[in-house]
Protein backbone atom coordinates (compact mmCIF):
# COMPACT_ATOMS: atom_id res chain seq x y z
CA MET A 1 -32.27 4.40 -9.33
CA PRO A 2 -33.27 7.39 -7.47
CA ASP A 3 -33.41 7.08 -4.01
CA LEU A 4 -36.72 5.27 -2.56
CA PRO A 5 -38.30 4.31 0.34
CA CYS A 6 -40.12 1.00 1.55
CA ASP A 7 -43.65 0.74 0.65
CA GLY A 8 -46.53 0.27 3.03
CA ASP A 9 -45.85 -3.45 3.21
CA GLY A 10 -42.13 -3.08 4.16
CA VAL A 11 -40.72 -3.71 0.70
CA CYS A 12 -37.95 -1.88 -0.52
CA MET A 13 -38.88 -0.04 -3.57
CA VAL A 14 -35.45 -0.29 -5.62
CA CYS A 15 -34.49 -3.75 -5.01
CA ARG A 16 -37.74 -5.43 -4.05
CA VAL A 17 -36.58 -7.19 -1.27
CA ALA A 18 -39.46 -8.02 1.51
CA SER A 19 -38.78 -7.05 4.78
CA PRO A 20 -35.24 -6.10 5.06
CA PRO A 21 -33.43 -7.15 8.09
CA GLU A 22 -33.74 -4.55 10.87
CA VAL A 23 -29.75 -3.78 10.76
CA ASP A 24 -30.55 -2.64 7.23
CA LEU A 25 -33.21 -0.30 7.72
CA LEU A 26 -32.97 3.43 8.48
CA ARG A 27 -35.90 5.49 9.73
CA CYS A 28 -36.12 9.27 9.01
CA SER A 29 -35.95 11.33 12.08
CA THR A 30 -38.55 13.69 10.44
CA CYS A 31 -41.24 11.42 9.18
CA ALA A 32 -40.37 8.05 10.52
CA THR A 33 -40.44 6.57 7.06
CA PRO A 34 -38.28 3.34 6.93
CA TRP A 35 -35.52 3.19 4.17
CA HIS A 36 -33.43 0.49 2.84
CA SER A 37 -29.63 1.41 3.59
CA PRO A 38 -27.73 -0.71 1.01
CA CYS A 39 -30.02 1.01 -1.89
CA LEU A 40 -29.22 4.89 -0.44
CA SER A 41 -26.98 6.57 -3.05
CA LYS A 42 -25.44 8.27 0.35
CA PRO A 43 -26.03 5.98 2.95
CA PRO A 44 -25.21 8.14 6.57
CA ALA A 45 -22.51 7.07 8.88
CA LEU A 46 -23.20 4.99 11.59
CA ALA A 47 -22.78 7.96 14.03
CA ASP A 48 -25.29 10.09 12.09
CA ALA A 49 -28.04 7.43 11.85
CA ALA A 50 -30.04 8.15 14.67
CA SER A 51 -30.39 11.78 13.47
CA TRP A 52 -30.76 11.25 9.67
CA SER A 53 -33.37 12.81 7.64
CA CYS A 54 -34.50 11.41 4.23
CA PRO A 55 -33.81 12.84 1.12
CA ASP A 56 -37.56 14.24 1.04
CA CYS A 57 -37.54 15.70 4.36
CA SER A 58 -33.71 16.89 4.29
CA PRO A 59 -33.59 20.94 3.34
CA ASP A 60 -30.31 21.10 2.91
CA SER A 61 -29.76 17.97 0.70
CA SER A 62 -29.41 18.22 -2.98
CA PRO A 63 -32.08 15.72 -4.73
CA ALA A 64 -30.43 12.27 -5.93
CA PRO A 65 -29.55 12.15 -9.35
CA ALA A 66 -31.97 10.16 -11.65
CA PRO A 67 -30.05 8.54 -14.55
CA ALA A 68 -31.54 10.14 -17.99
CA GLY A 69 -34.75 9.05 -19.42
CA PRO A 70 -38.34 9.91 -20.02
CA GLY A 71 -39.63 8.11 -17.22
CA ASN A 72 -37.33 10.16 -14.68
CA ASP A 73 -37.86 13.58 -16.15
CA LEU A 74 -41.00 13.95 -14.10
CA VAL A 75 -39.38 13.23 -10.99
CA ALA A 76 -36.16 15.27 -11.24
CA ALA A 77 -38.16 18.03 -12.29
CA ILE A 78 -40.46 17.73 -8.68
CA ARG A 79 -37.64 17.07 -6.97
CA ALA A 80 -36.28 20.45 -8.48
CA ILE A 81 -39.40 22.18 -7.00
CA GLU A 82 -38.89 20.60 -3.60
CA ALA A 83 -35.38 22.02 -3.38
CA ASP A 84 -36.16 25.54 -4.54
CA HIS A 85 -36.45 27.54 -1.01
CA THR A 86 -38.01 30.73 -2.54
CA LEU A 87 -41.47 28.95 -3.34
CA SER A 88 -44.11 28.73 -0.87
CA ASP A 89 -45.92 25.25 -0.28
CA GLN A 90 -49.21 26.78 -2.17
CA GLU A 91 -46.76 27.60 -5.29
CA LYS A 92 -45.15 24.15 -4.74
CA ALA A 93 -48.23 22.57 -4.88
CA ARG A 94 -49.67 24.45 -8.00
CA ARG A 95 -46.09 23.39 -9.94
CA ARG A 96 -46.26 19.94 -9.02
CA GLN A 97 -50.16 19.64 -10.00
CA ALA A 98 -49.43 21.51 -13.67
CA LEU A 99 -46.50 19.18 -13.95
CA LEU A 100 -48.57 15.74 -13.47
CA ALA A 101 -50.86 17.46 -15.51
CA GLY A 102 -48.85 18.12 -18.64
CA SER A 103 -49.15 21.61 -18.99
CA ALA A 104 -45.86 22.70 -17.37
CA PRO A 105 -43.32 24.06 -20.16
CA ALA A 106 -41.30 21.02 -21.33
CA ALA A 107 -37.71 20.81 -22.42
CA ALA A 108 -36.48 20.07 -25.88
CA ASP A 109 -36.76 16.11 -26.28
CA ASP A 110 -34.72 13.66 -28.25
CA ASP A 111 -35.84 11.90 -31.35
CA GLU A 112 -37.04 9.22 -28.69
CA ASP A 113 -39.00 11.34 -26.70
CA ASP A 114 -40.70 12.37 -29.55
CA ASN A 115 -41.62 9.06 -30.52
CA ALA A 116 -42.64 8.15 -27.44
CA ALA A 117 -45.10 10.79 -26.79
CA ASP A 118 -47.31 9.50 -29.88
CA ASP A 119 -47.83 6.56 -27.17
CA ALA A 120 -50.72 8.06 -25.08
CA LEU A 121 -50.62 5.32 -22.63
CA GLU A 122 -47.01 5.71 -21.93
CA ILE A 123 -47.31 9.17 -21.45
CA VAL A 124 -50.14 8.73 -18.93
CA GLY A 125 -48.22 6.25 -17.50
CA LYS A 126 -45.14 8.56 -17.21
CA ASN A 127 -47.09 11.44 -15.75
CA PHE A 128 -49.93 9.64 -13.48
CA SER A 129 -48.23 6.47 -12.19
CA CYS A 130 -48.68 5.53 -8.39
CA VAL A 131 -46.19 7.14 -6.09
CA PHE A 132 -45.59 3.50 -4.27
CA CYS A 133 -46.04 0.72 -6.90
CA MET A 134 -44.99 2.86 -9.70
CA LYS A 135 -47.57 1.64 -11.97
CA LEU A 136 -50.95 2.96 -13.53
CA PRO A 137 -52.91 3.85 -10.43
CA GLU A 138 -55.84 1.20 -10.00
CA ARG A 139 -58.77 3.01 -8.66
CA PRO A 140 -56.75 6.30 -8.25
CA VAL A 141 -56.73 8.59 -5.47
CA THR A 142 -55.04 12.08 -5.87
CA THR A 143 -54.00 14.16 -2.90
CA PRO A 144 -54.38 18.16 -2.51
CA CYS A 145 -50.57 18.25 -3.65
CA GLY A 146 -50.99 16.47 -6.69
CA HIS A 147 -49.53 13.02 -6.36
CA ASN A 148 -51.54 9.96 -7.30
CA PHE A 149 -52.00 6.46 -5.64
CA CYS A 150 -53.66 3.12 -6.27
CA LEU A 151 -56.64 3.13 -3.57
CA LYS A 152 -55.35 0.02 -2.03
CA CYS A 153 -51.79 1.62 -1.78
CA PHE A 154 -53.19 4.50 -0.33
CA GLN A 155 -55.34 2.74 2.62
CA LYS A 156 -52.26 0.46 3.23
CA TRP A 157 -50.29 3.84 3.83
CA ILE A 158 -53.01 5.24 5.97
CA GLN A 159 -53.61 2.50 7.95
CA ASN A 160 -50.08 2.35 9.07
CA GLY A 161 -50.54 5.30 10.69
CA LYS A 162 -48.95 8.00 7.81
CA ARG A 163 -50.44 11.16 7.59
CA THR A 164 -48.23 13.02 4.90
CA CYS A 165 -47.95 12.24 1.08
CA GLY A 166 -45.81 9.35 0.26
CA LYS A 167 -43.80 11.74 -2.46
CA CYS A 168 -43.34 15.30 -1.35
CA ARG A 169 -44.48 14.50 2.47
CA ALA A 170 -47.22 17.09 1.95
CA GLN A 171 -49.85 17.26 4.70
CA ILE A 172 -52.99 14.89 3.87
CA PRO A 173 -56.24 15.97 5.00
CA ALA A 174 -57.75 14.20 7.80
CA LYS A 175 -61.53 13.64 6.11
CA MET A 176 -59.26 12.41 2.76
CA ALA A 177 -57.48 9.97 5.05
CA GLU A 178 -60.40 8.91 6.52
CA GLN A 179 -62.64 8.25 3.51
CA PRO A 180 -60.51 8.72 0.47
CA ARG A 181 -62.48 9.25 -3.18
CA ILE A 182 -61.44 8.04 -6.38
CA ASN A 183 -60.78 10.93 -8.98
CA SER A 184 -62.98 9.72 -11.77
CA ALA A 185 -61.42 12.17 -14.37
CA LEU A 186 -57.87 10.43 -13.95
CA VAL A 187 -60.13 7.28 -14.44
CA GLU A 188 -61.31 8.31 -17.66
CA VAL A 189 -57.89 9.62 -19.02
CA ILE A 190 -56.44 6.01 -18.38
CA ARG A 191 -59.36 4.17 -19.59
CA MET A 192 -59.11 6.58 -23.07
CA ALA A 193 -55.59 5.99 -23.13
CA LYS A 194 -55.65 1.94 -22.91
CA ILE A 195 -58.55 2.13 -25.52
CA SER A 196 -56.52 4.25 -28.21
CA LYS A 197 -53.23 1.61 -27.35
CA ASN A 198 -55.78 -1.28 -28.25
CA PRO A 199 -57.95 -0.60 -31.23
CA ASN A 200 -59.92 -3.93 -30.98
CA SER A 201 -60.99 -3.09 -27.42
CA SER A 202 -64.90 -3.45 -26.82
CA GLY A 203 -64.94 0.06 -25.07
CA SER A 204 -66.06 3.21 -26.68
CA THR A 205 -63.69 6.10 -27.43
CA ALA A 206 -66.67 8.52 -27.65
CA PRO A 207 -66.98 9.99 -23.84
CA TYR A 208 -70.98 10.78 -23.63
CA HIS A 209 -71.48 13.87 -21.43
CA TYR A 210 -74.76 15.31 -19.73
CA ILE A 211 -75.12 18.55 -21.30
CA ARG A 212 -77.56 20.73 -19.16
CA ASN A 213 -79.73 23.30 -20.42
CA ASP A 214 -80.28 25.38 -17.59
CA ASP A 215 -83.14 27.40 -19.33
CA ARG A 216 -85.28 24.72 -20.40
CA PRO A 217 -88.74 25.24 -19.21
CA ASP A 218 -89.15 21.25 -18.08
CA LYS A 219 -86.03 21.49 -15.84
CA ALA A 220 -86.62 20.03 -12.35
CA PHE A 221 -87.32 22.75 -9.51
CA THR A 222 -88.43 23.40 -6.39
CA THR A 223 -91.81 25.32 -5.53
CA ASP A 224 -91.31 28.92 -3.59
CA ARG A 225 -93.25 27.16 -0.89
CA ALA A 226 -90.62 24.45 -0.28
CA LYS A 227 -87.21 26.38 -0.94
CA LYS A 228 -86.57 27.06 3.01
CA ALA A 229 -87.71 23.41 4.09
CA GLY A 230 -86.00 21.64 1.25
CA LYS A 231 -87.29 19.70 -1.56
CA ALA A 232 -89.74 17.74 0.05
CA ASN A 233 -92.39 19.80 -2.18
CA ALA A 234 -90.68 19.67 -5.08
CA SER A 235 -91.45 18.90 -8.73
CA SER A 236 -89.82 16.58 -11.05
CA GLY A 237 -90.22 18.07 -14.18
CA GLN A 238 -90.44 16.21 -17.55
CA ILE A 239 -89.53 12.79 -18.01
CA PHE A 240 -86.71 12.92 -20.92
CA VAL A 241 -86.72 8.80 -21.83
CA THR A 242 -89.28 6.89 -22.92
CA ILE A 243 -89.24 3.59 -20.74
CA ALA A 244 -92.00 2.58 -18.56
CA PRO A 245 -91.64 3.13 -14.54
CA ASP A 246 -91.35 -0.40 -14.08
CA HIS A 247 -88.47 -0.88 -17.03
CA PHE A 248 -85.86 -3.56 -16.06
CA GLY A 249 -82.09 -3.19 -16.93
CA PRO A 250 -80.04 -0.45 -19.04
CA ILE A 251 -82.04 2.36 -20.54
CA LEU A 252 -80.70 2.05 -24.15
CA ALA A 253 -80.35 4.82 -27.09
CA GLU A 254 -84.30 3.74 -28.44
CA ASN A 255 -85.52 5.18 -25.41
CA ASP A 256 -84.03 8.28 -25.18
CA PRO A 257 -85.36 10.56 -28.28
CA ARG A 258 -83.39 13.64 -27.17
CA ARG A 259 -80.14 12.61 -27.21
CA ASN A 260 -80.45 9.10 -29.07
CA ILE A 261 -77.45 7.48 -26.74
CA GLY A 262 -79.45 6.30 -23.67
CA VAL A 263 -78.06 6.26 -20.25
CA ARG A 264 -74.54 5.97 -19.94
CA VAL A 265 -72.46 4.44 -16.95
CA GLY A 266 -71.34 7.35 -14.97
CA GLU A 267 -73.62 10.13 -15.84
CA THR A 268 -73.74 12.62 -13.06
CA TRP A 269 -76.70 14.73 -12.23
CA GLU A 270 -77.03 18.04 -9.84
CA ASP A 271 -79.58 15.81 -7.66
CA ARG A 272 -82.08 13.48 -7.32
CA LEU A 273 -84.73 15.22 -9.43
CA GLU A 274 -82.53 15.33 -12.52
CA CYS A 275 -81.75 11.62 -11.90
CA ARG A 276 -85.56 11.06 -12.29
CA GLN A 277 -85.90 12.89 -15.25
CA TRP A 278 -83.34 10.74 -17.08
CA GLY A 279 -85.01 7.38 -15.69
CA ALA A 280 -82.34 5.98 -13.87
CA HIS A 281 -84.06 6.15 -10.39
CA PHE A 282 -87.52 7.34 -10.36
CA PRO A 283 -88.34 8.44 -6.59
CA HIS A 284 -86.84 11.42 -5.37
CA VAL A 285 -86.77 10.29 -1.89
CA ALA A 286 -87.13 6.54 -1.52
CA GLY A 287 -83.78 4.52 -1.88
CA ILE A 288 -85.89 1.60 -3.73
CA ALA A 289 -87.97 1.88 -6.98
CA GLY A 290 -89.84 -1.45 -7.46
CA GLN A 291 -93.17 -3.34 -6.72
CA SER A 292 -93.57 -6.10 -4.30
CA THR A 293 -95.18 -8.69 -6.57
CA TYR A 294 -93.15 -7.75 -9.47
CA GLY A 295 -89.61 -6.83 -8.64
CA ALA A 296 -87.16 -3.88 -8.22
CA GLN A 297 -85.66 -1.67 -11.12
CA SER A 298 -83.26 0.58 -9.21
CA VAL A 299 -81.48 1.20 -5.72
CA ALA A 300 -79.98 4.24 -4.83
CA LEU A 301 -76.73 4.41 -2.45
CA SER A 302 -76.98 7.79 -0.32
CA GLY A 303 -76.01 6.89 2.98
CA GLY A 304 -79.20 6.06 4.54
CA TYR A 305 -78.35 3.06 6.71
CA GLU A 306 -74.92 2.56 8.38
CA ASP A 307 -75.19 -1.36 7.95
CA ASP A 308 -74.59 -0.56 4.04
CA GLU A 309 -70.84 -1.49 3.11
CA ASP A 310 -69.65 -0.52 -0.51
CA HIS A 311 -66.91 -2.50 -2.25
CA GLY A 312 -67.55 -1.19 -5.92
CA GLU A 313 -68.07 -4.07 -7.79
CA TRP A 314 -70.25 -5.57 -4.96
CA PHE A 315 -72.09 -4.10 -1.97
CA LEU A 316 -74.17 -5.21 1.08
CA TYR A 317 -77.70 -3.06 0.71
CA THR A 318 -80.06 -2.71 3.47
CA GLY A 319 -83.58 -2.73 3.08
CA SER A 320 -86.26 -0.36 4.13
CA GLY A 321 -88.63 0.03 7.20
CA GLY A 322 -88.29 -0.46 10.43
CA ARG A 323 -88.06 3.05 11.57
CA ASP A 324 -90.73 5.42 12.90
CA LEU A 325 -91.29 8.44 10.58
CA SER A 326 -93.98 9.64 11.75
CA GLY A 327 -95.04 13.40 12.34
CA ASN A 328 -91.71 15.21 12.75
CA LYS A 329 -89.77 12.12 12.48
CA ARG A 330 -89.04 11.82 9.20
CA THR A 331 -85.23 11.81 9.55
CA ASN A 332 -85.06 9.32 12.26
CA LYS A 333 -82.32 7.00 11.75
CA GLU A 334 -83.03 4.96 14.67
CA GLN A 335 -84.52 1.14 14.23
CA SER A 336 -88.07 1.31 15.95
CA SER A 337 -89.26 -2.66 14.72
CA ASP A 338 -87.85 -5.23 12.51
CA GLN A 339 -87.73 -5.31 8.74
CA LYS A 340 -89.37 -7.77 6.73
CA PHE A 341 -89.70 -8.74 3.54
CA GLU A 342 -92.49 -6.91 2.39
CA LYS A 343 -93.47 -4.02 0.08
CA LEU A 344 -90.21 -2.58 -1.42
CA ASN A 345 -88.00 -5.52 0.27
CA ALA A 346 -90.21 -8.09 -1.08
CA ALA A 347 -89.19 -6.07 -4.71
CA LEU A 348 -85.80 -6.48 -4.16
CA ARG A 349 -86.20 -10.23 -3.00
CA ILE A 350 -88.01 -10.98 -6.26
CA SER A 351 -85.29 -9.57 -8.39
CA CYS A 352 -83.08 -11.70 -6.37
CA LEU A 353 -84.96 -14.71 -7.30
CA ARG A 354 -85.52 -14.33 -10.90
CA GLY A 355 -82.29 -12.58 -11.39
CA TYR A 356 -83.41 -9.29 -12.87
CA PRO A 357 -80.85 -6.47 -13.29
CA VAL A 358 -81.18 -3.62 -11.21
CA ARG A 359 -79.81 -0.12 -12.09
CA VAL A 360 -77.99 1.44 -9.50
CA VAL A 361 -76.91 5.17 -8.61
CA ARG A 362 -74.61 6.47 -6.13
CA SER A 363 -74.81 9.80 -4.36
CA HIS A 364 -72.41 12.23 -2.74
CA LYS A 365 -74.28 11.81 0.61
CA GLU A 366 -72.75 8.75 0.81
CA LYS A 367 -69.78 9.74 3.01
CA ARG A 368 -68.62 6.22 4.06
CA SER A 369 -67.78 4.65 0.38
CA SER A 370 -64.78 5.37 -1.48
CA TYR A 371 -66.95 4.87 -4.57
CA ALA A 372 -69.54 7.79 -4.41
CA PRO A 373 -68.91 10.80 -6.36
CA GLU A 374 -67.61 14.14 -5.16
CA SER A 375 -71.10 15.56 -6.07
CA GLY A 376 -74.39 14.81 -7.30
CA VAL A 377 -75.57 11.91 -8.03
CA ARG A 378 -74.08 9.30 -10.68
CA TYR A 379 -75.34 6.34 -12.43
CA ASP A 380 -72.96 3.16 -11.83
CA GLY A 381 -75.00 0.57 -14.05
CA VAL A 382 -76.80 -2.24 -13.23
CA TYR A 383 -76.57 -5.32 -10.73
CA ARG A 384 -77.67 -8.46 -9.81
CA ILE A 385 -79.20 -9.32 -6.22
CA GLU A 386 -77.61 -12.60 -5.60
CA LYS A 387 -78.72 -13.20 -1.96
CA CYS A 388 -80.74 -11.79 0.59
CA TRP A 389 -81.10 -12.48 4.54
CA ARG A 390 -82.12 -11.06 7.84
CA LYS A 391 -79.99 -10.41 10.77
CA ILE A 392 -79.32 -8.07 13.46
CA GLY A 393 -78.68 -4.65 12.42
CA ILE A 394 -75.65 -2.65 13.96
CA GLN A 395 -77.78 -0.72 16.20
CA GLY A 396 -78.01 -4.24 17.92
CA THR A 397 -81.51 -4.87 18.64
CA PHE A 398 -83.91 -5.28 15.58
CA LYS A 399 -83.57 -7.37 12.41
CA VAL A 400 -82.74 -5.51 9.10
CA CYS A 401 -83.20 -7.24 5.26
CA ARG A 402 -79.61 -7.67 3.54
CA TYR A 403 -78.78 -7.93 -0.08
CA LEU A 404 -75.59 -8.57 -2.07
CA PHE A 405 -75.64 -6.56 -5.17
CA VAL A 406 -73.02 -7.47 -7.93
CA ARG A 407 -72.33 -5.81 -10.57
CA CYS A 408 -72.85 -6.89 -14.09
CA ASP A 409 -72.67 -4.24 -16.57
CA ASN A 410 -71.33 -4.18 -20.31
CA GLU A 411 -69.68 -0.93 -19.60
CA PRO A 412 -66.71 -0.34 -17.02
CA ALA A 413 -67.31 1.36 -13.99
CA PRO A 414 -66.52 4.66 -13.35
CA TRP A 415 -64.03 4.20 -10.71
CA THR A 416 -62.02 1.43 -12.92
CA SER A 417 -59.99 2.08 -16.12
CA ASP A 418 -60.61 -1.40 -17.53
CA ASP A 419 -61.35 -0.82 -21.13
CA HIS A 420 -64.36 -3.97 -20.84
CA GLY A 421 -67.19 -4.05 -18.99
CA ASP A 422 -68.01 -7.09 -16.33
CA ARG A 423 -67.32 -10.80 -16.59
CA PRO A 424 -68.65 -13.40 -14.09
CA ARG A 425 -66.61 -13.21 -10.90
CA PRO A 426 -66.96 -15.50 -7.75
CA LEU A 427 -69.04 -14.07 -4.98
CA PRO A 428 -67.64 -12.44 -2.07
CA LYS A 429 -67.62 -14.23 1.22
CA ILE A 430 -69.87 -12.49 3.40
CA LYS A 431 -68.87 -13.19 7.15
CA GLU A 432 -72.53 -11.83 8.39
CA LEU A 433 -74.34 -15.22 6.89
CA GLN A 434 -73.15 -17.38 9.77
CA GLY A 435 -75.85 -15.84 11.84
CA ALA A 436 -78.47 -14.75 9.33
CA THR A 437 -81.89 -16.05 9.29
CA ASP A 438 -84.32 -16.28 6.39
CA ILE A 439 -81.45 -16.66 3.60
CA THR A 440 -82.81 -16.68 0.09
CA GLU A 441 -80.59 -17.69 -2.82
CA ARG A 442 -81.38 -18.14 -6.55
CA LYS A 443 -81.45 -21.95 -7.37
CA GLY A 444 -81.88 -21.65 -11.36
CA ARG A 445 -79.89 -19.33 -14.21
CA PRO A 446 -80.65 -15.63 -13.76
CA SER A 447 -82.66 -13.56 -16.29
CA TRP A 448 -79.76 -10.98 -17.24
CA ASP A 449 -76.64 -13.60 -17.88
CA TYR A 450 -73.58 -13.88 -19.48
CA VAL A 451 -74.19 -15.01 -22.92
CA VAL A 452 -73.32 -15.36 -26.38
CA CYS A 453 -74.87 -12.43 -28.38
CA THR A 454 -74.09 -10.41 -31.59
CA SER A 455 -71.66 -7.69 -31.27
CA VAL A 456 -73.35 -3.93 -31.81
CA SER A 457 -70.35 -2.68 -33.90
CA SER A 458 -69.85 -5.87 -36.12
CA PRO A 459 -73.25 -7.55 -36.73
CA ASN A 460 -71.30 -10.53 -38.05
CA VAL A 461 -68.92 -11.25 -34.81
CA THR A 462 -70.73 -12.91 -31.55
CA VAL A 463 -69.13 -11.78 -27.93
CA LEU A 464 -69.37 -12.69 -24.68
CA CYS A 465 -71.79 -10.07 -22.92
CA TYR A 466 -74.61 -9.70 -20.43
CA GLU A 467 -77.53 -9.77 -21.74
CA TRP A 468 -81.46 -10.82 -21.12
CA LEU A 469 -81.62 -14.94 -21.45
CA ILE A 470 -85.26 -14.58 -20.74
CA PHE A 471 -86.43 -10.54 -20.98
CA HIS A 472 -89.40 -9.46 -18.77
CA CYS A 473 -91.62 -6.90 -20.70
CA ASP A 474 -92.64 -3.45 -18.98
CA ARG A 475 -96.25 -4.43 -17.68
CA ARG A 476 -97.53 -1.31 -19.28
CA LYS A 477 -96.44 -2.43 -22.42
CA LYS A 478 -98.10 -5.77 -22.75
CA ALA A 479 -101.19 -7.56 -22.10
CA GLY A 480 -101.52 -9.43 -18.64
CA ASN A 481 -98.59 -10.86 -16.79
CA GLY A 482 -97.15 -12.73 -19.36
CA TRP A 483 -93.30 -13.21 -20.65
CA CYS A 484 -91.66 -12.03 -23.77
CA LEU A 485 -88.39 -12.79 -25.38
CA HIS A 486 -85.44 -11.21 -26.46
CA GLN A 487 -83.61 -11.95 -29.84
CA SER A 488 -81.00 -13.66 -28.36
CA ALA A 489 -83.06 -16.14 -26.32
CA ARG A 490 -85.45 -16.94 -29.31
CA SER A 491 -83.57 -19.88 -31.03
CA LEU A 492 -83.92 -21.74 -27.47
CA PHE A 493 -87.65 -21.54 -27.93
CA SER A 494 -90.87 -22.35 -30.20
CA LEU A 495 -93.57 -19.95 -30.52
CA GLY A 496 -96.80 -20.51 -31.35
CA ILE A 497 -100.68 -19.02 -30.80
CA LEU A 498 -103.22 -20.86 -29.45
CA THR A 499 -107.15 -19.77 -29.84
CA LEU A 500 -109.70 -20.71 -27.03
CA THR A 501 -113.25 -20.18 -26.50
CA ASN A 502 -114.79 -19.60 -23.07
CA LYS A 503 -118.18 -20.31 -21.86
CA SER A 504 -119.73 -16.86 -22.86
CA GLY A 505 -118.87 -17.50 -26.67
CA GLU A 506 -115.39 -15.22 -26.53
CA GLN A 507 -112.25 -16.26 -27.93
CA GLN A 508 -108.85 -15.48 -26.62
CA SER A 509 -105.61 -15.95 -28.17
CA VAL A 510 -103.11 -17.72 -25.69
CA LEU A 511 -99.00 -17.68 -26.52
CA ILE A 512 -97.90 -21.00 -26.44
CA CYS A 513 -93.66 -21.21 -25.42
CA LEU A 514 -91.80 -24.20 -25.99
CA LEU A 515 -88.49 -25.05 -25.02
CA LEU A 516 -86.47 -26.62 -27.67
CA ARG A 517 -83.11 -27.16 -25.99
CA GLY A 518 -82.22 -26.88 -22.47
CA TYR A 519 -79.60 -24.32 -21.27
C-alpha cells in the first residue's frame, strides 16, 4: 500500500484503525496532517519526529513505492509529476487534470489491463475515485488541481480547518472551501458507466442536451430600452412546449413537438427567459408559479431568502411577500410584515394538501447551495410539499411561510450518479417545527404517489415508479373544475354519465365517478 494519511474522521486510510493512539500519530510539520506511523513505509526516528515532513510535503523524499497493478498506475504517475521540480505549479495542475481525464499518454498495458479497460465502471473508478474514501465519489466535488472528493468527505476536511488538497496539498480557493459546487459533468460520467455495467437499469443511456439555435427569430431577448437597466422590460419569446400555464408535473415528450423528448432532468438554460420558453418555470421574475385556489406548479431556487435551506433531495423553501417593494425598493430584502398563507403562498399550501408534483428549477444565483448549477438555470425534477408552517424568520422580527419539499421524480437528480430515480424516503427532522405555528400536513394519500405502473420500454412489465394516482387536468383543457383520471388509476373507479335537466329545460351531462375499492 502507498503511504496515506488519516482521513477527516481520524481513521487511518491504510489499516482503517479508528482514532489511533496519540503515541502512534505523526503530524507533518508543514501541513499538520496526522499520519499513522506504524503504516508508514519509512517512519522517521524519534529524534526527527518534531521536524518530520510527510511524503507529500517533503521535496527531497522520493515517492513511496506502490505495488504494481492498474489501480496504482495513476497514483504513481501523479507522484512522478509532483517530484518533477522542473515543472511549474500550473504545469503540474494541467498534467494532473490530463491524467484524471484519461487524455495523457499511457504506457503499454498487459493483457489483464486490456481486459479491465473494457469495463467502463472500472476505468471511471480507477481515474476518478475520492481521494479520502477511495470509492466512486458520491456527489463529486473537483478542486482546481483536478482531484475529486465526495461532498461529505470534502466538507469534513474543510470543517477540520484544512485549506489544501488532501492529495497534492495545492491551495483550495476560499470561495470553494466556503461553498463547494458539485461537478455535474463527472456525475453524468459515473452514471453512464453504471448504466453500461447494468444493462437492466431503468436509467436511459442516451443523454439529452438542450440544443440552442442562436439565430432563431423566437429566441428570448431584451428590448433596447431595458439593456442598461437589466431585464425588467424583457420579452420571453415563443413557448416551445404545448402545456397550459397551469400544467402540473413533468413535461412529457407528447408536449414537446420540436424535439419529442420532453423536458429532461438536468437541462440547463442561459437564464429565466429561456427556462420560461420550455415551460419548466413560467415566471421570469417571481419564484412561485401558481394560483391561490388551484395550486402551485413550479418554484425557482435563486437565493431570494436567506431562510432557505437546500439539501438536494429535500429543501426548506420560504414563501413570498412581507417586503416593501414600492417605488425603487424592488430589490429590498428586509422583511417589513408577516407573511400569510395567501396568494402564491396559498397556492403552495394547496399543493401540499393535495400532494401535487411541483417542478423545481435551481439558479446559479443561489450561492449558499452546493446543488445549484455553476451557471444558468437548471431543471431538477419534481418535488412534493410534505409540510408547511409559519415561524419567525432569520431576521428575527416577522413571520415567514415555510415549506418542506421532498424530491419524487423518476429520473435521477443531476447531482447523484444513481442509475434510477427517487424512491420513498423518510421525512427529515426539522428542528424549527418546535416553535412553528399554523402547521399544515397532508392527511390522505397524495395525488402524485409511488405506485405500480407499466414500464415504458417493456409494456408487459410492471414497475414501481412515481405516477398520478388521481390526475388533475389543466383548467384550460377541461370544462368546469372536475377531475380526470390517469390510466394507472382507472382500474380503481367506475365511470358513468348522468344527464340532468334544469328548471330552464336545458340538459347537462355530469360525470359520475364511483370508487370500486379502497387504496
